[in-house]
């Protein structure tokens, strides 16, 4: 069946330039050279705002009972981020008064009294080991190393704390912090949460029903240097399908090892910057959030993410006196006044883990560009949100296991039938968004152009094949698929396959498009438009077959259909179009 598609020019240029109609995909990112107008203030410490007695009452989250006190810091093996003199405040005292400190203190290094730096990599490692050293404590899990060789480590919390499987299966929840190095609150919050999950902690009873894998800092290099991207110059949170960075591969290793049913990605969003420049306002909401919104997701996962997790989370934030909204961002293009939800491309942790049939949720506190200002509140906001998610996961432990199994069966059962979406776009509309007046601190309601990810527009679809053939020398693509957990078969003998190949119509060399213009990375992609052609394929012994009758079939689709900006062909993990083919009948009548 030939693809239904737009011309390359009508598709590519709007993606790159952010024109109306074709919403740019992806969550908020900076260009390859990070914008220092915001990043400079992000690295600069600011004094925290004192809590105000007259502030709205916040539901008290129990202090992290038994949480690790900061052990004596070892001799530093990595340089700390520089402590800079506090610059002038980014907004008025009236705005700052809207964000009083929370009624609880979290015992983590970065929140120690008089502290001017965030928790260092060495301090973070010491806290993980102190927790793991407790009787019945969590296990330290090595996940990998960063570009600069810093260990990327997680904690695995389970009850009992042994390698013996529990009597009944328990869903696992993976919590990821600080993929972007200039967004520190997620790492600090996950350290606080680790103390609450440790023996004697307020959240330890949840481990009777779930297991928790906690990765506080996925980008240790970026944390040291106060920059969004890794030291390789790439955005780690746009690499969860391609797995070109060691940090994304470390996250994938954890996912492979633990197969989580719920994944939460803790970030921070820009507070001032372009919102002040374009809207004359600053960000109001303590938390912006969004679950997976990419094409080909089972509807049951989206419904569960909304009713089982987002709605209770919103209620928990409201009880705590914290504000929230759907995640959104604004393009770096001057004069572009659209606000776009997190994107629909299958490259972020949020969307890739959704395609793994997990409930996948993005949390973003208001922190980029304001240094340490309101840090205690930002950490508290994350802790409240994460506590809600863990509590709901424990309450629905059995339901999560059933949901996951059924979603996998549904995806696997779709092989050889129906259609798959190769490329999707956001839906344009309007929405009222509330920000703050930068002087008075009063709410400032704005009617904005809004690009929604809650309803996707299929831009290109084609029939779902039975699987894909890959040439024997497609080792890079095979290695990445295996790292994602995809089942792959090697052909032991030659076969003739009923297949379809792709013929290139047009091609453009460009950086992958993203919601802010382009993905931060040093490589360019081959963005192509193709046509399908029937092919009787003589598949040699030693070549590969990737079946779609498996739960991860939707990951295979987005990786191997070449005319997606995130495909393995576009990003040169497959050398040529004829290195792969769509297989229309399983080899040997499987």
Protein backbone atom coordinates (compact mmCIF):
# COMPACT_ATOMS: atom_id res chain seq x y z
CA UNK A 1 0.00 0.00 0.00
CA UNK A 2 1.63 3.33 -0.97
CA UNK A 3 2.23 5.80 1.86
CA UNK A 4 -0.13 8.70 2.37
CA UNK A 5 2.22 11.62 2.79
CA UNK A 6 2.80 15.31 2.36
CA UNK A 7 5.57 16.52 0.08
CA UNK A 8 8.94 16.74 1.76
CA UNK A 9 9.00 20.52 1.54
CA UNK A 10 5.55 20.90 3.05
CA UNK A 11 6.52 18.51 5.84
CA UNK A 12 10.11 19.37 6.63
CA UNK A 13 10.09 23.15 6.57
CA UNK A 14 7.23 23.54 9.05
CA UNK A 15 8.95 21.07 11.35
CA UNK A 16 12.17 23.05 11.21
CA UNK A 17 10.70 26.53 11.27
CA UNK A 18 7.74 25.91 13.54
CA UNK A 19 5.10 27.08 11.09
CA UNK A 20 1.45 26.69 12.03
CA UNK A 21 -0.27 23.50 11.04
CA UNK A 22 2.60 21.04 11.42
CA UNK A 23 3.49 21.24 15.07
CA UNK A 24 7.20 20.75 15.77
CA UNK A 25 7.80 17.48 17.64
CA UNK A 26 9.77 16.93 20.83
CA UNK A 27 9.95 18.25 24.37
CA UNK A 28 11.72 21.49 25.23
CA UNK A 29 15.38 21.52 24.21
CA UNK A 30 18.11 24.00 23.56
CA UNK A 31 19.97 24.22 20.25
CA UNK A 32 23.32 22.48 19.87
CA UNK A 33 25.08 25.49 21.37
CA UNK A 34 22.97 25.96 24.53
CA UNK A 35 21.38 29.37 24.99
CA UNK A 36 23.44 30.97 27.74
CA UNK A 37 21.00 33.83 28.37
CA UNK A 38 19.05 31.37 30.49
CA UNK A 39 21.79 28.87 31.26
CA UNK A 40 24.06 31.46 32.83
CA UNK A 41 21.53 32.31 35.49
CA UNK A 42 20.81 28.61 35.94
CA UNK A 43 24.36 28.04 37.18
CA UNK A 44 24.27 31.05 39.47
CA UNK A 45 23.11 30.49 43.06
CA UNK A 46 20.34 32.64 44.47
CA UNK A 47 19.20 32.92 48.09
CA UNK A 48 16.08 30.86 48.84
CA UNK A 49 12.90 32.72 49.66
CA UNK A 50 11.88 32.47 53.29
CA UNK A 51 8.63 30.68 54.06
CA UNK A 52 5.79 33.07 54.82
CA UNK A 53 3.38 32.30 57.66
CA UNK A 54 0.40 33.60 55.69
CA UNK A 55 1.04 31.38 52.67
CA UNK A 56 -1.52 28.84 51.51
CA UNK A 57 -1.34 25.76 53.71
CA UNK A 58 0.58 22.88 52.17
CA UNK A 59 -0.08 19.26 52.98
CA UNK A 60 2.88 18.14 55.04
CA UNK A 61 4.99 15.46 53.48
CA UNK A 62 6.65 13.53 56.28
CA UNK A 63 10.33 14.37 56.62
CA UNK A 64 12.43 11.58 55.17
CA UNK A 65 12.47 9.37 58.26
CA UNK A 66 15.90 7.87 58.48
CA UNK A 67 16.99 9.75 55.39
CA UNK A 68 20.71 9.73 54.92
CA UNK A 69 22.59 12.53 56.56
CA UNK A 70 25.29 13.69 54.26
CA UNK A 71 28.32 11.50 54.96
CA UNK A 72 31.76 13.09 55.05
CA UNK A 73 32.53 14.04 51.48
CA UNK A 74 35.34 12.02 49.93
CA UNK A 75 38.15 13.70 48.08
CA UNK A 76 36.44 15.05 44.99
CA UNK A 77 37.11 13.15 41.78
CA UNK A 78 35.09 15.56 39.67
CA UNK A 79 35.16 19.36 39.88
CA UNK A 80 32.07 20.98 41.39
CA UNK A 81 30.04 23.49 39.43
CA UNK A 82 31.31 27.00 40.13
CA UNK A 83 29.63 28.98 42.90
CA UNK A 84 28.87 32.40 41.42
CA UNK A 85 27.83 35.59 43.14
CA UNK A 86 24.05 35.98 43.16
CA UNK A 87 22.90 38.21 40.30
CA UNK A 88 20.00 40.59 40.61
CA UNK A 89 16.67 38.77 41.07
CA UNK A 90 14.93 37.81 37.81
CA UNK A 91 11.62 39.23 39.01
CA UNK A 92 10.08 41.30 41.79
CA UNK A 93 9.69 40.46 45.46
CA UNK A 94 5.95 40.25 44.82
CA UNK A 95 6.52 37.36 42.42
CA UNK A 96 8.96 35.66 44.81
CA UNK A 97 6.35 35.88 47.57
CA UNK A 98 4.11 33.59 45.51
CA UNK A 99 6.58 30.75 46.13
CA UNK A 100 7.25 30.36 49.87
CA UNK A 101 9.44 27.56 51.17
CA UNK A 102 7.63 24.31 52.04
CA UNK A 103 6.84 23.26 55.62
CA UNK A 104 9.38 20.44 55.54
CA UNK A 105 13.14 20.15 55.24
CA UNK A 106 14.76 17.42 53.18
CA UNK A 107 18.09 16.13 54.45
CA UNK A 108 20.08 16.14 51.22
CA UNK A 109 23.46 17.80 50.61
CA UNK A 110 22.17 20.39 48.16
CA UNK A 111 19.66 21.75 50.68
CA UNK A 112 22.01 22.05 53.66
CA UNK A 113 21.82 25.42 55.48
CA UNK A 114 24.11 28.01 53.92
CA UNK A 115 24.69 25.85 50.89
CA UNK A 116 25.59 27.63 47.62
CA UNK A 117 26.10 24.56 45.41
CA UNK A 118 23.91 21.70 44.37
CA UNK A 119 24.76 18.15 45.43
CA UNK A 120 28.03 17.12 43.78
CA UNK A 121 28.54 13.81 41.99
CA UNK A 122 30.79 12.58 44.81
CA UNK A 123 28.26 13.56 47.47
CA UNK A 124 25.49 11.85 45.51
CA UNK A 125 27.51 8.63 45.27
CA UNK A 126 28.22 8.78 49.00
CA UNK A 127 24.51 9.13 49.81
CA UNK A 128 23.65 6.12 47.62
CA UNK A 129 26.25 4.00 49.38
CA UNK A 130 25.19 5.15 52.83
CA UNK A 131 21.61 4.08 52.09
CA UNK A 132 22.73 0.77 50.60
CA UNK A 133 24.86 0.04 53.68
CA UNK A 134 21.80 0.01 55.96
CA UNK A 135 20.38 -3.30 57.09
CA UNK A 136 17.68 -4.19 54.57
CA UNK A 137 18.64 -1.17 52.47
CA UNK A 138 18.54 -0.80 48.69
CA UNK A 139 21.07 -2.22 46.27
CA UNK A 140 23.38 0.03 44.23
CA UNK A 141 23.00 -0.81 40.53
CA UNK A 142 25.77 0.29 38.14
CA UNK A 143 24.07 1.43 34.93
CA UNK A 144 27.02 2.77 32.93
CA UNK A 145 29.41 5.70 32.72
CA UNK A 146 29.06 9.21 31.33
CA UNK A 147 31.02 10.67 28.44
CA UNK A 148 33.65 11.86 30.95
CA UNK A 149 33.74 8.51 32.74
CA UNK A 150 31.59 9.34 35.78
CA UNK A 151 29.66 6.37 37.14
CA UNK A 152 25.90 6.46 36.51
CA UNK A 153 24.29 4.53 39.37
CA UNK A 154 20.80 3.72 40.56
CA UNK A 155 19.26 2.29 43.72
CA UNK A 156 16.96 -0.73 43.58
CA UNK A 157 14.43 -0.78 46.41
CA UNK A 158 12.63 -4.08 47.01
CA UNK A 159 11.16 -5.88 50.00
CA UNK A 160 12.74 -8.09 51.15
CA UNK A 161 16.05 -6.59 50.06
CA UNK A 162 17.40 -9.80 48.49
CA UNK A 163 17.88 -11.16 45.01
CA UNK A 164 15.17 -13.77 45.70
CA UNK A 165 12.03 -13.10 43.61
CA UNK A 166 8.97 -12.21 45.72
CA UNK A 167 6.17 -14.72 46.15
CA UNK A 168 3.99 -12.67 43.79
CA UNK A 169 5.14 -10.42 40.96
CA UNK A 170 5.42 -6.73 41.72
CA UNK A 171 5.44 -3.96 39.13
CA UNK A 172 8.57 -1.88 39.04
CA UNK A 173 8.70 1.90 38.90
CA UNK A 174 11.73 3.64 37.38
CA UNK A 175 12.44 7.21 38.51
CA UNK A 176 14.94 9.22 36.42
CA UNK A 177 16.43 12.55 37.47
CA UNK A 178 18.55 15.29 35.90
CA UNK A 179 18.87 14.17 32.31
CA UNK A 180 19.53 17.85 31.68
CA UNK A 181 22.45 19.06 33.78
CA UNK A 182 21.04 22.54 34.42
CA UNK A 183 17.84 21.12 35.96
CA UNK A 184 19.02 20.11 39.45
CA UNK A 185 15.81 19.79 41.48
CA UNK A 186 15.00 16.32 40.15
CA UNK A 187 18.25 14.83 41.50
CA UNK A 188 17.84 16.54 44.88
CA UNK A 189 14.24 15.31 45.11
CA UNK A 190 15.17 11.74 44.23
CA UNK A 191 17.78 11.72 46.98
CA UNK A 192 15.11 12.92 49.41
CA UNK A 193 12.72 10.26 48.14
CA UNK A 194 15.41 7.59 48.53
CA UNK A 195 15.55 8.39 52.23
CA UNK A 196 11.79 7.91 52.50
CA UNK A 197 11.96 4.56 50.69
CA UNK A 198 14.81 3.26 52.86
CA UNK A 199 14.08 1.03 55.89
CA UNK A 200 12.07 3.00 58.43
CA UNK A 201 11.15 5.66 55.89
CA UNK A 202 7.63 6.96 55.35
CA UNK A 203 7.33 5.28 51.94
CA UNK A 204 9.02 1.97 52.78
CA UNK A 205 5.65 0.16 53.24
CA UNK A 206 4.92 0.70 49.53
CA UNK A 207 7.66 -1.82 48.77
CA UNK A 208 5.35 -4.63 49.84
CA UNK A 209 3.52 -4.05 46.54
CA UNK A 210 6.01 -2.42 44.15
CA UNK A 211 9.74 -2.22 43.50
CA UNK A 212 11.42 1.11 42.83
CA UNK A 213 14.52 1.77 40.72
CA UNK A 214 15.79 5.26 41.42
CA UNK A 215 18.36 6.96 39.14
CA UNK A 216 19.01 10.38 40.69
CA UNK A 217 21.31 11.84 38.05
CA UNK A 218 21.40 10.59 34.46
CA UNK A 219 23.71 13.40 33.25
CA UNK A 220 26.55 13.78 35.78
CA UNK A 221 28.77 15.66 33.32
CA UNK A 222 26.09 18.25 32.60
CA UNK A 223 25.51 18.66 36.34
CA UNK A 224 29.21 19.46 36.91
CA UNK A 225 29.36 21.99 34.09
CA UNK A 226 25.90 23.50 34.61
CA UNK A 227 24.80 22.71 31.07
CA UNK A 228 21.72 21.09 29.59
CA UNK A 229 23.45 18.67 27.23
CA UNK A 230 26.15 16.09 27.93
CA UNK A 231 29.80 16.91 27.33
CA UNK A 232 29.48 15.31 23.90
CA UNK A 233 27.14 18.18 22.95
CA UNK A 234 24.02 16.03 22.53
CA UNK A 235 20.69 16.19 24.32
CA UNK A 236 20.39 12.90 26.20
CA UNK A 237 16.61 13.21 26.29
CA UNK A 238 16.46 13.05 22.50
CA UNK A 239 18.53 9.87 22.32
CA UNK A 240 16.37 7.14 23.83
CA UNK A 241 15.66 5.50 20.47
CA UNK A 242 19.03 6.01 18.79
CA UNK A 243 21.16 5.32 21.92
CA UNK A 244 24.21 7.19 20.62
CA UNK A 245 25.17 8.67 24.01
CA UNK A 246 26.55 6.61 26.91
CA UNK A 247 24.04 8.23 29.26
CA UNK A 248 21.01 7.14 27.20
CA UNK A 249 22.51 3.66 26.95
CA UNK A 250 22.81 3.59 30.74
CA UNK A 251 19.09 4.36 31.08
CA UNK A 252 18.33 1.67 28.48
CA UNK A 253 20.39 -0.83 30.48
CA UNK A 254 18.27 -0.16 33.56
CA UNK A 255 15.09 -0.53 31.52
CA UNK A 256 16.36 -3.83 30.09
CA UNK A 257 17.27 -5.13 33.53
CA UNK A 258 14.09 -4.14 35.35
CA UNK A 259 11.38 -3.79 32.67
CA UNK A 260 9.46 -1.06 34.56
CA UNK A 261 5.69 -0.75 34.32
CA UNK A 262 5.89 2.96 35.26
CA UNK A 263 8.64 5.43 34.28
CA UNK A 264 8.86 8.97 35.65
CA UNK A 265 11.29 11.55 34.23
CA UNK A 266 12.01 14.51 36.56
CA UNK A 267 13.00 17.79 34.84
CA UNK A 268 12.69 21.57 35.29
CA UNK A 269 11.26 24.20 32.95
CA UNK A 270 12.22 27.76 32.00
CA UNK A 271 10.79 30.42 34.30
CA UNK A 272 11.69 33.80 32.80
CA UNK A 273 13.69 34.03 29.55
CA UNK A 274 11.57 34.04 26.43
CA UNK A 275 8.30 34.15 28.42
CA UNK A 276 9.23 37.57 29.75
CA UNK A 277 10.50 38.68 26.34
CA UNK A 278 7.50 37.49 24.33
CA UNK A 279 4.58 37.55 26.77
CA UNK A 280 5.67 40.12 29.35
CA UNK A 281 5.16 37.47 32.02
CA UNK A 282 6.94 34.79 34.05
CA UNK A 283 5.94 31.21 34.69
CA UNK A 284 3.38 30.61 37.44
CA UNK A 285 3.01 26.87 37.87
CA UNK A 286 5.03 24.82 40.31
CA UNK A 287 4.78 21.79 38.04
CA UNK A 288 4.16 21.09 34.37
CA UNK A 289 3.40 17.47 33.53
CA UNK A 290 2.55 15.21 30.63
CA UNK A 291 2.38 11.50 29.92
CA UNK A 292 3.46 9.72 26.73
CA UNK A 293 1.89 11.24 23.60
CA UNK A 294 3.26 9.58 20.51
CA UNK A 295 1.70 7.66 17.66
CA UNK A 296 0.82 3.96 17.88
CA UNK A 297 0.39 3.88 21.67
CA UNK A 298 -2.32 1.52 22.95
CA UNK A 299 -5.26 3.65 24.07
CA UNK A 300 -5.48 1.71 27.33
CA UNK A 301 -2.08 3.07 28.42
CA UNK A 302 -3.15 6.66 27.81
CA UNK A 303 -6.40 6.16 29.70
CA UNK A 304 -4.58 4.61 32.66
CA UNK A 305 -1.98 7.37 32.70
CA UNK A 306 -4.77 9.95 32.89
CA UNK A 307 -7.13 8.33 35.40
CA UNK A 308 -4.76 6.28 37.54
CA UNK A 309 -1.91 8.77 37.78
CA UNK A 310 -2.41 12.31 36.45
CA UNK A 311 -5.73 12.99 38.14
CA UNK A 312 -4.59 11.79 41.61
CA UNK A 313 -1.32 13.69 41.14
CA UNK A 314 -3.17 16.93 40.41
CA UNK A 315 -5.28 16.39 43.53
CA UNK A 316 -2.15 15.77 45.65
CA UNK A 317 -0.53 18.98 44.39
CA UNK A 318 -3.69 20.96 45.11
CA UNK A 319 -3.82 19.62 48.67
CA UNK A 320 -0.19 20.69 49.09
CA UNK A 321 -0.93 24.23 47.88
CA UNK A 322 1.03 23.72 44.66
CA UNK A 323 -0.04 24.69 41.15
CA UNK A 324 0.17 22.66 37.95
CA UNK A 325 -0.58 22.70 34.23
CA UNK A 326 0.03 20.53 31.19
CA UNK A 327 3.64 20.70 30.12
CA UNK A 328 4.29 23.32 27.45
CA UNK A 329 7.18 25.25 25.96
CA UNK A 330 7.78 28.06 23.48
CA UNK A 331 10.07 28.05 20.44
CA UNK A 332 13.33 29.97 20.48
CA UNK A 333 12.30 31.59 17.18
CA UNK A 334 11.79 35.37 17.63
CA UNK A 335 8.17 36.40 17.24
CA UNK A 336 6.79 32.85 17.58
CA UNK A 337 4.08 33.17 20.24
CA UNK A 338 2.77 29.63 20.10
CA UNK A 339 2.91 27.40 23.15
CA UNK A 340 3.45 23.73 22.38
CA UNK A 341 2.91 20.75 24.62
CA UNK A 342 5.66 18.16 24.85
CA UNK A 343 6.24 16.69 21.44
CA UNK A 344 5.06 13.58 19.70
CA UNK A 345 8.35 12.31 18.28
CA UNK A 346 9.59 8.90 19.53
CA UNK A 347 12.92 10.16 20.87
CA UNK A 348 12.32 11.36 24.45
CA UNK A 349 12.28 9.11 27.51
CA UNK A 350 8.60 9.93 27.93
CA UNK A 351 7.60 8.67 24.49
CA UNK A 352 10.08 5.84 24.02
CA UNK A 353 9.13 4.26 27.33
CA UNK A 354 5.47 4.66 26.39
CA UNK A 355 6.23 2.62 23.27
CA UNK A 356 7.63 -0.02 25.63
CA UNK A 357 4.07 -0.25 27.03
CA UNK A 358 4.91 1.53 30.28
CA UNK A 359 3.00 4.35 31.93
CA UNK A 360 5.50 7.13 31.21
CA UNK A 361 5.24 10.55 32.84
CA UNK A 362 7.22 13.79 32.55
CA UNK A 363 7.42 16.13 35.58
CA UNK A 364 8.91 19.64 35.26
CA UNK A 365 9.30 22.09 38.15
CA UNK A 366 9.84 25.84 37.60
CA UNK A 367 13.60 26.05 37.85
CA UNK A 368 15.58 26.70 34.65
CA UNK A 369 17.21 30.13 34.70
CA UNK A 370 16.74 30.94 38.41
CA UNK A 371 19.68 29.11 40.02
CA UNK A 372 18.90 28.12 43.62
CA UNK A 373 15.91 30.44 43.96
CA UNK A 374 12.97 28.53 45.48
CA UNK A 375 15.02 25.31 45.38
CA UNK A 376 13.42 23.86 48.51
CA UNK A 377 9.97 24.39 46.99
CA UNK A 378 11.03 22.89 43.68
CA UNK A 379 12.35 19.79 45.43
CA UNK A 380 9.21 19.58 47.54
CA UNK A 381 7.02 19.79 44.45
CA UNK A 382 8.84 16.85 42.89
CA UNK A 383 8.60 14.86 46.12
CA UNK A 384 4.84 15.46 46.39
CA UNK A 385 4.31 14.44 42.76
CA UNK A 386 6.57 11.37 42.96
CA UNK A 387 4.98 10.26 46.22
CA UNK A 388 1.56 10.40 44.56
CA UNK A 389 2.78 8.30 41.64
CA UNK A 390 4.39 5.69 43.88
CA UNK A 391 1.31 5.53 46.10
CA UNK A 392 -1.01 5.04 43.14
CA UNK A 393 1.31 2.44 41.60
CA UNK A 394 1.25 0.45 44.84
CA UNK A 395 -2.53 0.73 45.11
CA UNK A 396 -2.92 -0.54 41.54
CA UNK A 397 -0.06 -3.01 41.48
CA UNK A 398 -2.14 -5.89 40.17
CA UNK A 399 -3.93 -3.69 37.64
CA UNK A 400 -0.58 -2.44 36.31
CA UNK A 401 0.66 -5.95 35.64
CA UNK A 402 -2.56 -6.86 33.82
CA UNK A 403 -2.53 -3.61 31.83
CA UNK A 404 1.06 -4.16 30.75
CA UNK A 405 0.45 -7.74 29.66
CA UNK A 406 -2.69 -6.85 27.71
CA UNK A 407 -0.99 -3.93 25.97
CA UNK A 408 1.86 -6.18 24.91
CA UNK A 409 -0.54 -8.81 23.59
CA UNK A 410 -2.47 -6.14 21.68
CA UNK A 411 0.68 -4.75 20.07
CA UNK A 412 2.05 -8.18 19.18
CA UNK A 413 -1.32 -9.23 17.76
CA UNK A 414 -1.31 -6.30 15.32
CA UNK A 415 1.50 -7.74 13.18
CA UNK A 416 0.61 -8.09 9.48
CA UNK A 417 -2.64 -6.16 9.88
CA UNK A 418 -3.99 -2.63 10.00
CA UNK A 419 -2.05 0.59 9.65
CA UNK A 420 0.77 2.20 11.58
CA UNK A 421 1.51 5.92 11.84
CA UNK A 422 4.95 6.80 10.53
CA UNK A 423 4.72 10.52 11.25
CA UNK A 424 2.24 12.48 13.37
CA UNK A 425 1.75 16.13 14.30
CA UNK A 426 0.23 18.09 17.13
CA UNK A 427 -3.20 19.66 16.82
CA UNK A 428 -3.33 23.49 16.71
CA UNK A 429 -5.90 25.44 18.66
CA UNK A 430 -6.14 28.13 21.35
CA UNK A 431 -6.01 27.94 25.13
CA UNK A 432 -5.96 30.26 28.12
CA UNK A 433 -2.70 29.97 30.06
CA UNK A 434 -2.11 31.76 33.35
CA UNK A 435 1.34 33.27 33.99
CA UNK A 436 2.42 36.01 36.41
CA UNK A 437 2.93 39.73 36.01
CA UNK A 438 6.68 40.21 36.65
CA UNK A 439 6.16 43.32 38.79
CA UNK A 440 2.92 42.90 40.72
CA UNK A 441 3.04 39.11 40.96
CA UNK A 442 -0.65 38.95 40.03
CA UNK A 443 -2.04 36.22 37.79
CA UNK A 444 -1.86 37.17 34.12
CA UNK A 445 -4.26 35.22 31.89
CA UNK A 446 -3.20 34.93 28.26
CA UNK A 447 -5.13 33.54 25.29
CA UNK A 448 -2.45 31.77 23.24
CA UNK A 449 -2.05 29.64 20.16
CA UNK A 450 -1.74 26.12 21.57
CA UNK A 451 -0.28 23.02 19.96
CA UNK A 452 -1.87 20.04 21.69
CA UNK A 453 -0.31 16.59 21.91
CA UNK A 454 -3.44 15.06 23.41
CA UNK A 455 -4.94 14.58 19.96
CA UNK A 456 -2.50 13.58 17.24
CA UNK A 457 -2.91 14.22 13.52
CA UNK A 458 -1.56 11.35 11.39
CA UNK A 459 0.60 12.91 8.69
CA UNK A 460 1.87 9.69 7.14
CA UNK A 461 0.58 6.14 7.58
CA UNK A 462 1.24 2.81 5.90
CA UNK A 463 0.24 -0.81 6.29
CA UNK A 464 1.82 -2.60 9.22
CA UNK A 465 4.13 -5.37 7.96
CA UNK A 466 4.81 -8.71 9.62
CA UNK A 467 8.38 -7.70 10.38
CA UNK A 468 11.57 -6.27 8.93
CA UNK A 469 14.57 -7.84 7.25
CA UNK A 470 18.02 -6.39 7.95
CA UNK A 471 21.19 -7.14 6.05
CA UNK A 472 23.90 -9.18 7.74
CA UNK A 473 26.16 -6.13 8.05
CA UNK A 474 23.55 -3.98 9.86
CA UNK A 475 25.37 -4.55 13.15
CA UNK A 476 24.86 -1.05 14.54
CA UNK A 477 21.10 -1.14 14.08
CA UNK A 478 20.93 -4.69 15.50
CA UNK A 479 22.95 -3.64 18.55
CA UNK A 480 20.63 -0.67 19.28
CA UNK A 481 17.48 -2.76 18.86
CA UNK A 482 18.88 -5.39 21.22
CA UNK A 483 19.77 -2.69 23.75
CA UNK A 484 16.11 -1.66 23.65
CA UNK A 485 15.07 -5.25 24.38
CA UNK A 486 13.74 -6.08 20.90
CA UNK A 487 13.59 -9.75 19.89
CA UNK A 488 15.64 -10.44 16.77
CA UNK A 489 16.15 -13.64 14.79
CA UNK A 490 19.12 -14.57 12.62
CA UNK A 491 18.31 -16.51 9.45
CA UNK A 492 20.17 -19.81 9.56
CA UNK A 493 19.69 -20.50 5.86
CA UNK A 494 18.83 -18.50 2.72
CA UNK A 495 15.18 -17.52 2.30
CA UNK A 496 13.12 -15.80 -0.37
CA UNK A 497 10.90 -13.24 1.35
CA UNK A 498 7.76 -11.50 0.16
CA UNK A 499 8.80 -7.94 0.93
CA UNK A 500 8.60 -4.25 0.14
CA UNK A 501 11.56 -1.92 -0.29
CA UNK A 502 11.81 1.85 -0.17
CA UNK A 503 12.81 4.06 -3.07
CA UNK A 504 14.10 7.54 -2.28
CA UNK A 505 12.15 10.38 -3.87
CA UNK A 506 13.85 13.38 -2.24
CA UNK A 507 16.37 13.89 0.54
CA UNK A 508 17.45 16.81 2.73
CA UNK A 509 20.45 16.89 5.07
CA UNK A 510 19.43 18.66 8.28
CA UNK A 511 19.50 18.50 12.05
CA UNK A 512 16.54 16.58 13.43
CA UNK A 513 13.56 18.91 13.94
CA UNK A 514 12.32 19.61 17.43
CA UNK A 515 9.77 21.75 19.20
CA UNK A 516 12.33 24.53 19.69
CA UNK A 517 13.70 24.29 16.17
CA UNK A 518 16.28 21.53 16.19
CA UNK A 519 17.66 18.79 18.40
CA UNK A 520 20.89 19.60 20.23
CA UNK A 521 23.41 17.24 18.63
CA UNK A 522 26.42 17.44 16.36
CA UNK A 523 25.18 15.02 13.69
CA UNK A 524 22.80 15.79 10.89
CA UNK A 525 20.09 13.44 9.63
CA UNK A 526 19.06 12.27 6.15
CA UNK A 527 15.43 13.38 6.01
CA UNK A 528 13.89 11.52 3.10
CA UNK A 529 10.62 11.00 1.34
CA UNK A 530 10.18 7.47 -0.02
CA UNK A 531 7.88 5.31 -2.09
CA UNK A 532 7.24 1.60 -1.52
CA UNK A 533 7.98 -1.01 -4.17
CA UNK A 534 7.23 -4.78 -4.04
CA UNK A 535 10.37 -6.88 -3.74
CA UNK A 536 11.12 -10.62 -3.90
CA UNK A 537 13.99 -10.54 -1.45
CA UNK A 538 16.72 -13.19 -1.54
CA UNK A 539 17.66 -13.07 2.14
CA UNK A 540 21.11 -14.56 2.74
CA UNK A 541 21.94 -16.86 5.63
CA UNK A 542 23.24 -14.70 8.46
CA UNK A 543 20.92 -11.80 7.73
CA UNK A 544 18.33 -10.76 10.29
CA UNK A 545 14.58 -10.86 10.79
CA UNK A 546 12.88 -8.56 13.31
CA UNK A 547 9.31 -9.80 13.86
CA UNK A 548 6.45 -7.48 14.79
CA UNK A 549 4.56 -10.16 16.71
CA UNK A 550 6.22 -8.97 19.93
CA UNK A 551 5.29 -6.40 22.59
CA UNK A 552 8.00 -3.94 21.47
CA UNK A 553 6.83 -3.90 17.84
CA UNK A 554 6.01 -0.19 17.92
CA UNK A 555 9.62 0.63 18.81
CA UNK A 556 10.71 -1.44 15.81
CA UNK A 557 8.36 0.48 13.52
CA UNK A 558 9.64 3.93 14.45
CA UNK A 559 13.26 2.78 14.24
CA UNK A 560 13.05 1.09 10.84
CA UNK A 561 10.58 3.09 8.73
CA UNK A 562 13.19 5.36 7.08
CA UNK A 563 11.15 8.51 6.50
CA UNK A 564 10.87 9.42 10.18
CA UNK A 565 13.43 11.97 11.43
CA UNK A 566 14.29 9.56 14.23
CA UNK A 567 14.73 6.43 12.12
CA UNK A 568 17.91 4.39 12.06
CA UNK A 569 18.32 5.13 8.36
CA UNK A 570 17.89 8.89 8.81
CA UNK A 571 20.49 8.84 11.56
CA UNK A 572 22.96 6.54 9.77
CA UNK A 573 22.64 3.50 11.98
CA UNK A 574 21.59 1.77 8.74
CA UNK A 575 23.94 2.56 5.84
CA UNK A 576 21.45 2.44 2.97
CA UNK A 577 17.76 2.06 2.18
CA UNK A 578 18.35 -1.43 0.81
CA UNK A 579 19.97 -2.50 4.11
CA UNK A 580 16.42 -3.22 5.32
CA UNK A 581 13.03 -4.17 3.95
CA UNK A 582 9.43 -4.57 5.08
CA UNK A 583 8.53 -8.29 5.27
CA UNK A 584 4.91 -9.03 4.31
CA UNK A 585 4.81 -12.71 5.32
CA UNK A 586 6.83 -14.34 8.12
CA UNK A 587 9.84 -16.39 6.98
CA UNK A 588 8.99 -20.06 6.57
CA UNK A 589 5.29 -19.44 7.20
CA UNK A 590 5.84 -18.69 10.92
